[in-house]
N, C-alpha and C. Protein backbone atom coordinates (compact mmCIF):
# COMPACT_ATOMS: atom_id res chain seq x y z
N UNK A 1 -0.41 7.92 -15.18
CA UNK A 1 -0.27 6.54 -14.71
C UNK A 1 0.86 5.87 -15.47
N UNK A 2 1.79 5.17 -14.80
CA UNK A 2 2.89 4.51 -15.50
C UNK A 2 2.38 3.51 -16.54
N UNK A 3 3.01 3.48 -17.70
CA UNK A 3 2.64 2.54 -18.74
C UNK A 3 3.89 1.85 -19.26
N UNK A 4 3.67 0.77 -20.01
CA UNK A 4 4.79 0.08 -20.62
C UNK A 4 5.45 0.98 -21.63
N UNK A 5 6.78 0.96 -21.70
CA UNK A 5 7.52 1.82 -22.62
C UNK A 5 8.45 0.98 -23.47
N UNK A 6 8.97 1.59 -24.54
CA UNK A 6 9.87 0.89 -25.44
C UNK A 6 9.14 0.43 -26.69
N UNK A 7 9.90 -0.04 -27.68
CA UNK A 7 9.28 -0.55 -28.89
C UNK A 7 8.55 -1.86 -28.59
N UNK A 8 7.70 -2.26 -29.51
CA UNK A 8 6.97 -3.52 -29.32
C UNK A 8 7.95 -4.70 -29.26
N UNK A 9 9.01 -4.62 -30.03
CA UNK A 9 10.00 -5.70 -29.99
C UNK A 9 10.68 -5.76 -28.62
N UNK A 10 11.01 -4.60 -28.07
CA UNK A 10 11.63 -4.56 -26.74
C UNK A 10 10.67 -5.07 -25.67
N UNK A 11 9.42 -4.69 -25.78
CA UNK A 11 8.44 -5.13 -24.79
C UNK A 11 8.14 -6.62 -24.93
N UNK A 12 8.19 -7.12 -26.15
CA UNK A 12 8.05 -8.56 -26.37
C UNK A 12 9.18 -9.31 -25.66
N UNK A 13 10.40 -8.81 -25.81
CA UNK A 13 11.54 -9.44 -25.15
C UNK A 13 11.42 -9.38 -23.63
N UNK A 14 10.92 -8.27 -23.10
CA UNK A 14 10.73 -8.15 -21.66
C UNK A 14 9.68 -9.14 -21.16
N UNK A 15 8.66 -9.38 -21.96
CA UNK A 15 7.64 -10.37 -21.60
C UNK A 15 8.25 -11.76 -21.47
N UNK A 16 9.12 -12.10 -22.41
CA UNK A 16 9.78 -13.41 -22.35
C UNK A 16 10.72 -13.49 -21.15
N UNK A 17 11.42 -12.39 -20.85
CA UNK A 17 12.30 -12.38 -19.67
C UNK A 17 11.48 -12.59 -18.40
N UNK A 18 10.28 -12.03 -18.35
CA UNK A 18 9.42 -12.21 -17.18
C UNK A 18 9.04 -13.69 -17.01
N UNK A 19 8.75 -14.35 -18.14
CA UNK A 19 8.44 -15.78 -18.07
C UNK A 19 9.66 -16.58 -17.62
N UNK A 20 10.83 -16.23 -18.17
CA UNK A 20 12.04 -16.94 -17.75
C UNK A 20 12.29 -16.80 -16.25
N UNK A 21 12.05 -15.60 -15.72
CA UNK A 21 12.31 -15.36 -14.30
C UNK A 21 11.36 -16.15 -13.40
N UNK A 22 10.23 -16.58 -13.96
CA UNK A 22 9.29 -17.38 -13.18
C UNK A 22 9.42 -18.87 -13.46
N UNK A 23 10.52 -19.26 -14.16
CA UNK A 23 10.82 -20.67 -14.33
C UNK A 23 10.49 -21.26 -15.68
N UNK A 24 10.11 -20.44 -16.64
CA UNK A 24 9.78 -20.94 -17.97
C UNK A 24 11.02 -21.00 -18.86
N UNK A 25 10.98 -21.92 -19.82
CA UNK A 25 11.95 -21.95 -20.90
C UNK A 25 11.34 -21.24 -22.11
N UNK A 26 12.19 -20.65 -22.92
CA UNK A 26 11.77 -20.05 -24.19
C UNK A 26 12.57 -20.72 -25.29
N UNK A 27 11.89 -21.38 -26.23
CA UNK A 27 12.58 -22.21 -27.22
C UNK A 27 12.03 -21.94 -28.62
N UNK A 28 12.80 -22.38 -29.62
CA UNK A 28 12.31 -22.44 -30.99
C UNK A 28 12.40 -23.89 -31.44
N UNK A 29 11.57 -24.24 -32.40
CA UNK A 29 11.61 -25.60 -32.91
C UNK A 29 10.61 -26.49 -32.20
N UNK A 30 11.04 -27.73 -31.90
CA UNK A 30 10.13 -28.71 -31.31
C UNK A 30 10.82 -29.49 -30.20
N UNK A 31 11.21 -28.82 -29.12
CA UNK A 31 11.88 -29.51 -28.01
C UNK A 31 10.89 -30.34 -27.19
N UNK A 32 11.42 -31.11 -26.26
CA UNK A 32 10.59 -31.92 -25.36
C UNK A 32 10.98 -31.59 -23.93
N UNK A 33 10.55 -30.45 -23.44
CA UNK A 33 11.02 -29.98 -22.14
C UNK A 33 10.33 -30.67 -20.98
N UNK A 34 10.95 -30.55 -19.81
CA UNK A 34 10.39 -31.12 -18.60
C UNK A 34 9.76 -30.07 -17.71
N UNK A 35 9.84 -28.81 -18.09
CA UNK A 35 9.22 -27.75 -17.31
C UNK A 35 8.49 -26.80 -18.23
N UNK A 36 7.68 -25.86 -17.69
CA UNK A 36 6.90 -24.98 -18.55
C UNK A 36 7.75 -24.30 -19.62
N UNK A 37 7.28 -24.38 -20.85
CA UNK A 37 8.06 -23.88 -21.98
C UNK A 37 7.14 -23.22 -22.99
N UNK A 38 7.55 -22.07 -23.49
CA UNK A 38 6.86 -21.42 -24.60
C UNK A 38 7.73 -21.62 -25.84
N UNK A 39 7.12 -22.05 -26.92
CA UNK A 39 7.86 -22.49 -28.10
C UNK A 39 7.40 -21.70 -29.32
N UNK A 40 8.34 -21.06 -30.00
CA UNK A 40 8.04 -20.32 -31.21
C UNK A 40 8.38 -21.17 -32.41
N UNK A 41 7.46 -21.21 -33.36
CA UNK A 41 7.63 -22.08 -34.52
C UNK A 41 8.24 -21.36 -35.72
N UNK A 42 8.44 -20.06 -35.61
CA UNK A 42 9.04 -19.28 -36.69
C UNK A 42 10.10 -18.34 -36.12
N UNK A 43 10.86 -17.74 -37.00
CA UNK A 43 11.85 -16.76 -36.58
C UNK A 43 11.12 -15.51 -36.06
N UNK A 44 11.28 -15.23 -34.78
CA UNK A 44 10.54 -14.13 -34.17
C UNK A 44 10.89 -12.79 -34.80
N UNK A 45 12.14 -12.57 -35.13
CA UNK A 45 12.56 -11.27 -35.66
C UNK A 45 11.83 -10.90 -36.95
N UNK A 46 11.37 -11.90 -37.70
CA UNK A 46 10.68 -11.63 -38.96
C UNK A 46 9.34 -10.93 -38.76
N UNK A 47 8.82 -10.93 -37.54
CA UNK A 47 7.52 -10.34 -37.28
C UNK A 47 7.61 -8.85 -36.90
N UNK A 48 8.83 -8.33 -36.84
CA UNK A 48 9.04 -6.93 -36.48
C UNK A 48 9.73 -6.20 -37.62
N UNK A 49 9.41 -4.91 -37.79
CA UNK A 49 10.13 -4.13 -38.79
C UNK A 49 11.41 -3.57 -38.19
N UNK A 50 12.13 -2.77 -38.97
CA UNK A 50 13.43 -2.28 -38.52
C UNK A 50 13.31 -1.32 -37.33
N UNK A 51 12.13 -0.75 -37.12
CA UNK A 51 11.92 0.16 -35.99
C UNK A 51 11.41 -0.57 -34.75
N UNK A 52 11.27 -1.89 -34.86
CA UNK A 52 10.82 -2.68 -33.72
C UNK A 52 9.31 -2.73 -33.55
N UNK A 53 8.57 -2.35 -34.62
CA UNK A 53 7.11 -2.40 -34.56
C UNK A 53 6.61 -3.77 -35.02
N UNK A 54 5.62 -4.26 -34.33
CA UNK A 54 5.05 -5.57 -34.63
C UNK A 54 4.22 -5.49 -35.91
N UNK A 55 4.50 -6.39 -36.85
CA UNK A 55 3.82 -6.37 -38.14
C UNK A 55 2.71 -7.42 -38.25
N UNK A 56 2.76 -8.44 -37.45
CA UNK A 56 1.76 -9.51 -37.53
C UNK A 56 1.77 -10.29 -36.22
N UNK A 57 0.68 -11.03 -35.98
CA UNK A 57 0.63 -11.88 -34.80
C UNK A 57 1.73 -12.95 -34.88
N UNK A 58 2.27 -13.30 -33.73
CA UNK A 58 3.37 -14.26 -33.66
C UNK A 58 2.82 -15.61 -33.19
N UNK A 59 2.95 -16.66 -33.99
CA UNK A 59 2.43 -17.97 -33.55
C UNK A 59 3.38 -18.64 -32.55
N UNK A 60 2.81 -19.28 -31.55
CA UNK A 60 3.59 -20.07 -30.61
C UNK A 60 2.68 -21.10 -29.97
N UNK A 61 3.26 -22.03 -29.28
CA UNK A 61 2.49 -22.90 -28.40
C UNK A 61 3.29 -23.11 -27.13
N UNK A 62 2.68 -23.74 -26.15
CA UNK A 62 3.37 -23.93 -24.88
C UNK A 62 3.09 -25.32 -24.33
N UNK A 63 3.97 -25.74 -23.44
CA UNK A 63 3.91 -27.08 -22.86
C UNK A 63 4.11 -26.98 -21.35
N UNK A 64 3.32 -27.76 -20.63
CA UNK A 64 3.51 -27.94 -19.18
C UNK A 64 3.34 -26.67 -18.36
N UNK A 65 2.60 -25.75 -18.83
CA UNK A 65 2.40 -24.53 -18.08
C UNK A 65 0.98 -24.02 -18.23
N UNK A 66 0.72 -22.90 -17.62
CA UNK A 66 -0.61 -22.29 -17.65
C UNK A 66 -0.64 -21.13 -18.64
N UNK A 67 -1.62 -21.17 -19.52
CA UNK A 67 -1.77 -20.07 -20.47
C UNK A 67 -2.01 -18.74 -19.80
N UNK A 68 -2.61 -18.77 -18.61
CA UNK A 68 -2.87 -17.51 -17.91
C UNK A 68 -1.57 -16.82 -17.52
N UNK A 69 -0.52 -17.58 -17.23
CA UNK A 69 0.78 -16.99 -16.91
C UNK A 69 1.35 -16.25 -18.13
N UNK A 70 1.19 -16.86 -19.30
CA UNK A 70 1.67 -16.24 -20.53
C UNK A 70 0.90 -14.95 -20.78
N UNK A 71 -0.42 -15.04 -20.66
CA UNK A 71 -1.28 -13.88 -20.91
C UNK A 71 -0.90 -12.70 -20.01
N UNK A 72 -0.68 -12.99 -18.72
CA UNK A 72 -0.33 -11.93 -17.77
C UNK A 72 1.05 -11.35 -18.05
N UNK A 73 2.01 -12.20 -18.45
CA UNK A 73 3.36 -11.71 -18.73
C UNK A 73 3.37 -10.73 -19.90
N UNK A 74 2.62 -11.04 -20.96
CA UNK A 74 2.55 -10.12 -22.10
C UNK A 74 1.79 -8.85 -21.72
N UNK A 75 0.73 -8.98 -20.95
CA UNK A 75 -0.06 -7.80 -20.57
C UNK A 75 0.77 -6.81 -19.77
N UNK A 76 1.73 -7.30 -19.00
CA UNK A 76 2.63 -6.41 -18.26
C UNK A 76 3.31 -5.40 -19.18
N UNK A 77 3.52 -5.79 -20.42
CA UNK A 77 4.21 -4.93 -21.38
C UNK A 77 3.25 -4.37 -22.42
N UNK A 78 1.95 -4.37 -22.11
CA UNK A 78 0.98 -3.76 -23.02
C UNK A 78 0.76 -4.54 -24.29
N UNK A 79 1.01 -5.84 -24.26
CA UNK A 79 0.81 -6.70 -25.42
C UNK A 79 -0.28 -7.73 -25.12
N UNK A 80 -1.03 -8.09 -26.13
CA UNK A 80 -2.12 -9.04 -25.97
C UNK A 80 -1.67 -10.41 -26.44
N UNK A 81 -1.78 -11.41 -25.58
CA UNK A 81 -1.54 -12.79 -25.97
C UNK A 81 -2.89 -13.50 -26.01
N UNK A 82 -3.24 -14.07 -27.15
CA UNK A 82 -4.47 -14.86 -27.25
C UNK A 82 -4.13 -16.30 -26.90
N UNK A 83 -4.62 -16.77 -25.79
CA UNK A 83 -4.31 -18.12 -25.33
C UNK A 83 -5.59 -18.83 -24.94
N UNK A 84 -5.55 -20.14 -24.99
CA UNK A 84 -6.69 -20.95 -24.59
C UNK A 84 -6.53 -21.26 -23.10
N UNK A 85 -7.37 -20.66 -22.29
CA UNK A 85 -7.18 -20.71 -20.84
C UNK A 85 -7.71 -21.98 -20.21
N UNK A 86 -8.39 -22.83 -20.97
CA UNK A 86 -9.06 -23.97 -20.37
C UNK A 86 -8.16 -25.18 -20.13
N UNK A 87 -6.95 -25.18 -20.66
CA UNK A 87 -6.08 -26.33 -20.47
C UNK A 87 -4.70 -25.93 -20.00
N UNK A 88 -3.90 -26.92 -19.61
CA UNK A 88 -2.54 -26.65 -19.13
C UNK A 88 -1.54 -26.57 -20.27
N UNK A 89 -1.86 -27.16 -21.42
CA UNK A 89 -0.97 -27.10 -22.57
C UNK A 89 -1.68 -26.41 -23.72
N UNK A 90 -0.91 -25.75 -24.55
CA UNK A 90 -1.44 -25.19 -25.79
C UNK A 90 -0.85 -25.98 -26.92
N UNK A 91 -1.44 -27.12 -27.28
CA UNK A 91 -0.81 -28.03 -28.23
C UNK A 91 -0.71 -27.50 -29.64
N UNK A 92 -1.59 -26.54 -30.02
CA UNK A 92 -1.53 -25.99 -31.35
C UNK A 92 -1.04 -24.56 -31.32
N UNK A 93 -0.83 -24.00 -32.49
CA UNK A 93 -0.37 -22.61 -32.56
C UNK A 93 -1.47 -21.67 -32.09
N UNK A 94 -1.10 -20.71 -31.31
CA UNK A 94 -2.01 -19.63 -30.92
C UNK A 94 -1.34 -18.32 -31.29
N UNK A 95 -2.07 -17.24 -31.25
CA UNK A 95 -1.54 -15.97 -31.70
C UNK A 95 -1.20 -15.10 -30.51
N UNK A 96 -0.05 -14.49 -30.56
CA UNK A 96 0.40 -13.71 -29.40
C UNK A 96 1.10 -12.44 -29.85
N UNK A 97 1.25 -11.55 -28.87
CA UNK A 97 2.07 -10.38 -29.10
C UNK A 97 1.37 -9.25 -29.83
N UNK A 98 0.05 -9.34 -30.01
CA UNK A 98 -0.63 -8.23 -30.67
C UNK A 98 -0.60 -7.01 -29.77
N UNK A 99 -0.18 -5.90 -30.34
CA UNK A 99 -0.19 -4.65 -29.59
C UNK A 99 -1.60 -4.10 -29.59
N UNK A 100 -2.12 -3.75 -28.44
CA UNK A 100 -3.48 -3.24 -28.41
C UNK A 100 -3.99 -3.13 -27.00
N UNK A 101 -5.29 -3.11 -26.88
CA UNK A 101 -5.91 -2.87 -25.60
C UNK A 101 -6.74 -4.08 -25.21
N UNK A 102 -6.75 -4.37 -23.92
CA UNK A 102 -7.61 -5.40 -23.35
C UNK A 102 -7.87 -5.03 -21.91
N UNK A 103 -8.89 -5.63 -21.32
CA UNK A 103 -9.14 -5.38 -19.90
C UNK A 103 -7.92 -5.74 -19.07
N UNK A 104 -7.29 -6.85 -19.40
CA UNK A 104 -6.13 -7.29 -18.64
C UNK A 104 -4.99 -6.27 -18.74
N UNK A 105 -4.73 -5.76 -19.94
CA UNK A 105 -3.67 -4.75 -20.10
C UNK A 105 -3.96 -3.51 -19.27
N UNK A 106 -5.21 -3.09 -19.26
CA UNK A 106 -5.57 -1.89 -18.50
C UNK A 106 -5.45 -2.12 -16.99
N UNK A 107 -5.85 -3.29 -16.53
CA UNK A 107 -5.72 -3.60 -15.10
C UNK A 107 -4.25 -3.61 -14.71
N UNK A 108 -3.41 -4.21 -15.55
CA UNK A 108 -1.98 -4.28 -15.23
C UNK A 108 -1.36 -2.89 -15.18
N UNK A 109 -1.81 -1.97 -16.04
CA UNK A 109 -1.29 -0.61 -15.96
C UNK A 109 -1.70 0.07 -14.65
N UNK A 110 -2.91 -0.23 -14.17
CA UNK A 110 -3.33 0.26 -12.86
C UNK A 110 -2.45 -0.34 -11.77
N UNK A 111 -2.08 -1.60 -11.93
CA UNK A 111 -1.17 -2.24 -10.98
C UNK A 111 0.20 -1.57 -10.99
N UNK A 112 0.66 -1.15 -12.17
CA UNK A 112 1.94 -0.43 -12.25
C UNK A 112 1.87 0.86 -11.42
N UNK A 113 0.75 1.54 -11.50
CA UNK A 113 0.56 2.76 -10.72
C UNK A 113 0.65 2.46 -9.23
N UNK A 114 0.05 1.35 -8.80
CA UNK A 114 0.11 0.97 -7.39
C UNK A 114 1.52 0.54 -6.99
N UNK A 115 2.23 -0.13 -7.88
CA UNK A 115 3.62 -0.50 -7.61
C UNK A 115 4.47 0.74 -7.35
N UNK A 116 4.22 1.80 -8.09
CA UNK A 116 4.97 3.05 -7.90
C UNK A 116 4.70 3.66 -6.54
N UNK A 117 3.61 3.24 -5.90
CA UNK A 117 3.27 3.73 -4.56
C UNK A 117 3.61 2.71 -3.47
N UNK A 118 4.43 1.73 -3.82
CA UNK A 118 4.93 0.79 -2.83
C UNK A 118 4.13 -0.48 -2.65
N UNK A 119 3.17 -0.73 -3.54
CA UNK A 119 2.38 -1.95 -3.44
C UNK A 119 3.05 -3.11 -4.17
N UNK A 120 2.87 -4.31 -3.65
CA UNK A 120 3.12 -5.52 -4.43
C UNK A 120 1.83 -5.76 -5.21
N UNK A 121 1.87 -5.56 -6.51
CA UNK A 121 0.67 -5.64 -7.35
C UNK A 121 0.92 -6.66 -8.44
N UNK A 122 0.31 -7.82 -8.33
CA UNK A 122 0.65 -8.94 -9.19
C UNK A 122 -0.60 -9.56 -9.82
N UNK A 123 -0.71 -9.50 -11.14
CA UNK A 123 -1.79 -10.24 -11.81
C UNK A 123 -1.47 -11.73 -11.84
N UNK A 124 -2.49 -12.56 -11.69
CA UNK A 124 -2.30 -14.01 -11.81
C UNK A 124 -1.09 -14.47 -10.97
N UNK A 125 -1.12 -14.10 -9.69
CA UNK A 125 0.08 -14.19 -8.85
C UNK A 125 0.36 -15.59 -8.34
N UNK A 126 -0.68 -16.35 -8.04
CA UNK A 126 -0.47 -17.61 -7.34
C UNK A 126 -1.61 -18.57 -7.68
N UNK A 127 -1.42 -19.84 -7.31
CA UNK A 127 -2.48 -20.81 -7.57
C UNK A 127 -3.61 -20.69 -6.56
N UNK A 128 -3.28 -20.26 -5.34
CA UNK A 128 -4.30 -20.08 -4.31
C UNK A 128 -4.07 -18.76 -3.60
N UNK A 129 -5.10 -18.25 -2.92
CA UNK A 129 -4.95 -17.02 -2.16
C UNK A 129 -3.95 -17.20 -1.02
N UNK A 130 -4.01 -18.34 -0.36
CA UNK A 130 -3.13 -18.55 0.79
C UNK A 130 -1.66 -18.58 0.36
N UNK A 131 -1.35 -19.21 -0.75
CA UNK A 131 0.05 -19.24 -1.20
C UNK A 131 0.49 -17.84 -1.64
N UNK A 132 -0.44 -17.07 -2.22
CA UNK A 132 -0.11 -15.70 -2.60
C UNK A 132 0.23 -14.85 -1.39
N UNK A 133 -0.59 -14.94 -0.34
CA UNK A 133 -0.30 -14.18 0.87
C UNK A 133 1.00 -14.64 1.52
N UNK A 134 1.28 -15.94 1.45
CA UNK A 134 2.53 -16.43 2.00
C UNK A 134 3.73 -15.81 1.30
N UNK A 135 3.68 -15.72 -0.03
CA UNK A 135 4.78 -15.10 -0.79
C UNK A 135 4.90 -13.62 -0.46
N UNK A 136 3.77 -12.95 -0.32
CA UNK A 136 3.79 -11.51 -0.04
C UNK A 136 4.40 -11.24 1.33
N UNK A 137 4.03 -12.01 2.33
CA UNK A 137 4.59 -11.80 3.67
C UNK A 137 6.09 -12.10 3.70
N UNK A 138 6.53 -13.06 2.90
CA UNK A 138 7.98 -13.33 2.80
C UNK A 138 8.70 -12.13 2.20
N UNK A 139 8.11 -11.49 1.22
CA UNK A 139 8.74 -10.35 0.55
C UNK A 139 8.73 -9.10 1.43
N UNK A 140 7.74 -8.98 2.31
CA UNK A 140 7.67 -7.79 3.16
C UNK A 140 8.55 -7.91 4.39
N UNK A 141 8.47 -9.01 5.11
CA UNK A 141 9.30 -9.29 6.27
C UNK A 141 9.40 -8.10 7.22
N UNK A 142 8.30 -7.78 7.86
CA UNK A 142 8.32 -6.76 8.89
C UNK A 142 7.82 -5.40 8.45
N UNK A 143 7.82 -5.14 7.16
CA UNK A 143 7.32 -3.84 6.69
C UNK A 143 5.81 -3.91 6.51
N UNK A 144 5.21 -2.74 6.39
CA UNK A 144 3.75 -2.69 6.21
C UNK A 144 3.35 -3.40 4.93
N UNK A 145 2.33 -4.23 5.03
CA UNK A 145 1.88 -4.99 3.86
C UNK A 145 0.95 -4.12 3.01
N UNK A 146 1.37 -3.88 1.77
CA UNK A 146 0.53 -3.20 0.79
C UNK A 146 0.57 -4.05 -0.47
N UNK A 147 -0.56 -4.64 -0.81
CA UNK A 147 -0.54 -5.62 -1.90
C UNK A 147 -1.91 -5.72 -2.56
N UNK A 148 -1.90 -6.17 -3.81
CA UNK A 148 -3.13 -6.53 -4.50
C UNK A 148 -2.78 -7.59 -5.54
N UNK A 149 -3.62 -8.62 -5.64
CA UNK A 149 -3.36 -9.70 -6.59
C UNK A 149 -4.62 -10.52 -6.80
N UNK A 150 -4.58 -11.38 -7.82
CA UNK A 150 -5.61 -12.42 -7.95
C UNK A 150 -4.92 -13.74 -8.26
N UNK A 151 -5.64 -14.83 -8.05
CA UNK A 151 -5.03 -16.15 -8.25
C UNK A 151 -5.34 -16.71 -9.64
N UNK A 152 -4.65 -17.79 -9.97
CA UNK A 152 -4.75 -18.34 -11.32
C UNK A 152 -6.15 -18.87 -11.65
N UNK A 153 -6.80 -19.48 -10.67
CA UNK A 153 -8.14 -19.99 -10.93
C UNK A 153 -9.11 -18.86 -11.25
N UNK A 154 -9.00 -17.76 -10.52
CA UNK A 154 -9.84 -16.60 -10.82
C UNK A 154 -9.56 -16.08 -12.22
N UNK A 155 -8.30 -16.09 -12.62
CA UNK A 155 -7.94 -15.63 -13.96
C UNK A 155 -8.65 -16.48 -15.01
N UNK A 156 -8.56 -17.79 -14.88
CA UNK A 156 -9.16 -18.67 -15.88
C UNK A 156 -10.67 -18.59 -15.89
N UNK A 157 -11.27 -18.31 -14.74
CA UNK A 157 -12.73 -18.21 -14.65
C UNK A 157 -13.26 -16.89 -15.20
N UNK A 158 -12.47 -15.82 -15.12
CA UNK A 158 -13.00 -14.47 -15.33
C UNK A 158 -12.52 -13.77 -16.59
N UNK A 159 -11.45 -14.26 -17.24
CA UNK A 159 -10.97 -13.65 -18.48
C UNK A 159 -11.24 -14.57 -19.66
N UNK A 160 -11.42 -13.96 -20.84
CA UNK A 160 -11.50 -14.77 -22.04
C UNK A 160 -10.12 -14.93 -22.65
N UNK A 161 -10.06 -15.57 -23.82
CA UNK A 161 -8.76 -15.89 -24.42
C UNK A 161 -7.98 -14.65 -24.87
N UNK A 162 -8.66 -13.51 -25.02
CA UNK A 162 -8.00 -12.26 -25.40
C UNK A 162 -7.67 -11.38 -24.21
N UNK A 163 -8.01 -11.82 -22.99
CA UNK A 163 -7.71 -11.02 -21.81
C UNK A 163 -8.77 -10.01 -21.47
N UNK A 164 -10.01 -10.25 -21.91
CA UNK A 164 -11.12 -9.38 -21.54
C UNK A 164 -11.99 -10.07 -20.49
N UNK A 165 -12.49 -9.29 -19.54
CA UNK A 165 -13.29 -9.85 -18.47
C UNK A 165 -14.64 -10.37 -18.98
N UNK A 166 -15.00 -11.55 -18.52
CA UNK A 166 -16.32 -12.11 -18.81
C UNK A 166 -17.10 -12.33 -17.52
N UNK A 167 -16.47 -12.07 -16.39
CA UNK A 167 -17.13 -12.20 -15.09
C UNK A 167 -16.40 -11.31 -14.10
N UNK A 168 -17.03 -11.07 -12.95
CA UNK A 168 -16.41 -10.24 -11.92
C UNK A 168 -15.25 -10.99 -11.27
N UNK A 169 -14.08 -10.37 -11.24
CA UNK A 169 -12.90 -11.03 -10.69
C UNK A 169 -12.60 -10.49 -9.29
N UNK A 170 -12.39 -11.38 -8.30
CA UNK A 170 -12.06 -10.94 -6.94
C UNK A 170 -10.57 -10.65 -6.80
N UNK A 171 -10.25 -9.54 -6.15
CA UNK A 171 -8.87 -9.13 -5.95
C UNK A 171 -8.55 -9.15 -4.46
N UNK A 172 -7.54 -9.91 -4.09
CA UNK A 172 -7.03 -9.90 -2.73
C UNK A 172 -6.24 -8.61 -2.52
N UNK A 173 -6.31 -8.02 -1.33
CA UNK A 173 -5.65 -6.73 -1.16
C UNK A 173 -5.30 -6.46 0.30
N UNK A 174 -4.36 -5.54 0.48
CA UNK A 174 -4.02 -4.97 1.79
C UNK A 174 -3.46 -3.59 1.53
N UNK A 175 -3.83 -2.63 2.34
CA UNK A 175 -3.36 -1.26 2.15
C UNK A 175 -4.50 -0.29 2.30
N UNK A 176 -4.46 0.77 1.49
CA UNK A 176 -5.48 1.81 1.57
C UNK A 176 -6.53 1.59 0.49
N UNK A 177 -7.78 1.35 0.89
CA UNK A 177 -8.84 1.03 -0.06
C UNK A 177 -9.07 2.16 -1.06
N UNK A 178 -8.99 3.41 -0.62
CA UNK A 178 -9.24 4.54 -1.51
C UNK A 178 -8.16 4.65 -2.58
N UNK A 179 -6.91 4.41 -2.19
CA UNK A 179 -5.81 4.45 -3.16
C UNK A 179 -6.00 3.38 -4.22
N UNK A 180 -6.36 2.19 -3.79
CA UNK A 180 -6.57 1.09 -4.73
C UNK A 180 -7.77 1.39 -5.63
N UNK A 181 -8.85 1.88 -5.04
CA UNK A 181 -10.04 2.19 -5.84
C UNK A 181 -9.72 3.23 -6.91
N UNK A 182 -8.99 4.28 -6.56
CA UNK A 182 -8.64 5.32 -7.53
C UNK A 182 -7.86 4.73 -8.71
N UNK A 183 -6.91 3.86 -8.40
CA UNK A 183 -6.11 3.25 -9.47
C UNK A 183 -6.96 2.36 -10.36
N UNK A 184 -7.79 1.54 -9.76
CA UNK A 184 -8.61 0.62 -10.53
C UNK A 184 -9.68 1.34 -11.34
N UNK A 185 -10.19 2.45 -10.82
CA UNK A 185 -11.23 3.20 -11.53
C UNK A 185 -10.71 3.75 -12.86
N UNK A 186 -9.40 3.96 -12.96
CA UNK A 186 -8.81 4.47 -14.20
C UNK A 186 -8.91 3.47 -15.34
N UNK A 187 -9.21 2.21 -15.05
CA UNK A 187 -9.34 1.20 -16.10
C UNK A 187 -10.64 1.34 -16.88
N UNK A 188 -11.63 2.04 -16.31
CA UNK A 188 -12.94 2.12 -16.95
C UNK A 188 -13.82 0.93 -16.66
N UNK A 189 -13.32 -0.02 -15.89
CA UNK A 189 -14.10 -1.20 -15.52
C UNK A 189 -14.96 -0.89 -14.29
N UNK A 190 -15.95 -1.72 -14.06
CA UNK A 190 -16.79 -1.56 -12.88
C UNK A 190 -16.01 -1.99 -11.64
N UNK A 191 -15.97 -1.13 -10.62
CA UNK A 191 -15.18 -1.39 -9.42
C UNK A 191 -16.11 -1.51 -8.21
N UNK A 192 -15.96 -2.59 -7.48
CA UNK A 192 -16.65 -2.76 -6.20
C UNK A 192 -15.61 -2.65 -5.10
N UNK A 193 -15.59 -1.50 -4.43
CA UNK A 193 -14.60 -1.25 -3.38
C UNK A 193 -15.20 -1.60 -2.02
N UNK A 194 -14.55 -2.47 -1.27
CA UNK A 194 -15.10 -2.90 0.03
C UNK A 194 -14.96 -1.83 1.10
N UNK A 195 -15.86 -1.84 2.03
CA UNK A 195 -15.76 -0.98 3.20
C UNK A 195 -15.01 -1.66 4.34
N UNK A 196 -14.93 -2.96 4.25
CA UNK A 196 -14.30 -3.78 5.29
C UNK A 196 -13.01 -4.37 4.75
N UNK A 197 -11.87 -4.23 5.43
CA UNK A 197 -10.60 -4.75 4.92
C UNK A 197 -10.56 -6.27 4.78
N UNK A 198 -11.54 -6.96 5.33
CA UNK A 198 -11.58 -8.42 5.20
C UNK A 198 -12.37 -8.86 3.97
N UNK A 199 -12.90 -7.90 3.22
CA UNK A 199 -13.70 -8.19 2.03
C UNK A 199 -12.88 -7.85 0.79
N UNK A 200 -13.00 -8.65 -0.25
CA UNK A 200 -12.21 -8.44 -1.47
C UNK A 200 -12.76 -7.30 -2.31
N UNK A 201 -11.87 -6.71 -3.13
CA UNK A 201 -12.30 -5.87 -4.24
C UNK A 201 -12.85 -6.78 -5.34
N UNK A 202 -13.74 -6.23 -6.17
CA UNK A 202 -14.16 -6.92 -7.38
C UNK A 202 -14.06 -5.95 -8.55
N UNK A 203 -13.62 -6.47 -9.69
CA UNK A 203 -13.64 -5.74 -10.95
C UNK A 203 -14.58 -6.46 -11.90
N UNK A 204 -15.46 -5.69 -12.56
CA UNK A 204 -16.39 -6.27 -13.50
C UNK A 204 -16.18 -5.73 -14.90
N UNK A 205 -16.75 -6.37 -15.91
CA UNK A 205 -16.59 -5.93 -17.30
C UNK A 205 -17.06 -4.50 -17.51
N UNK A 206 -16.42 -3.82 -18.46
CA UNK A 206 -16.79 -2.43 -18.79
C UNK A 206 -18.25 -2.39 -19.23
N UNK A 207 -18.97 -1.37 -18.78
CA UNK A 207 -20.38 -1.24 -19.15
C UNK A 207 -21.32 -1.97 -18.22
N UNK A 208 -20.75 -2.78 -17.32
CA UNK A 208 -21.59 -3.45 -16.33
C UNK A 208 -22.12 -2.41 -15.34
N UNK A 209 -23.34 -2.61 -14.89
CA UNK A 209 -23.89 -1.69 -13.91
C UNK A 209 -23.03 -1.69 -12.66
N UNK A 210 -22.96 -0.54 -12.01
CA UNK A 210 -22.17 -0.43 -10.77
C UNK A 210 -22.67 -1.43 -9.77
N UNK A 211 -21.72 -1.95 -8.97
CA UNK A 211 -22.08 -2.96 -7.97
C UNK A 211 -23.01 -2.35 -6.93
């Protein structure tokens, strides 16, 4: 299954590039931005050794954005961001960039596997299901729709601050149910695969009884 590659420093930088591509600013110091911004209060390079390995958690805070977007961006690169998902701003320092494992990281790696098979596979993709499907249909434009995603509200309801599932999360999907089930089963999480294409997939916490 495809996984994030490169040093932790390189993957950290890719996470920030992903946020920039979705409209975020990345700053140091204490700016007063008008759009979603992630702000580092220390020199980021000091947290990595000469080989690019992460030596300690990196403190940051954010303004005018959703912590779930930050969490998903880091998970794409196999990094854990600890964020407070209950609010739109993170006014105090939180810890980010820890290299390790979380339910969210494992789900995103399963999504990478589906992307390699032609799926649009997006964690925390949209604010609503309808807006997510609208974006997906714009990206496909006539080609067969193969996609899987969840929305921001589901993310905030179903993940904790470390990116571990605390409730069953519904996944919107289109494509081959067996292919999606195989990819999701590799996470070790409980998978509820629908028999009807109009019914969502669900992923539950590890160790939960099968649906």
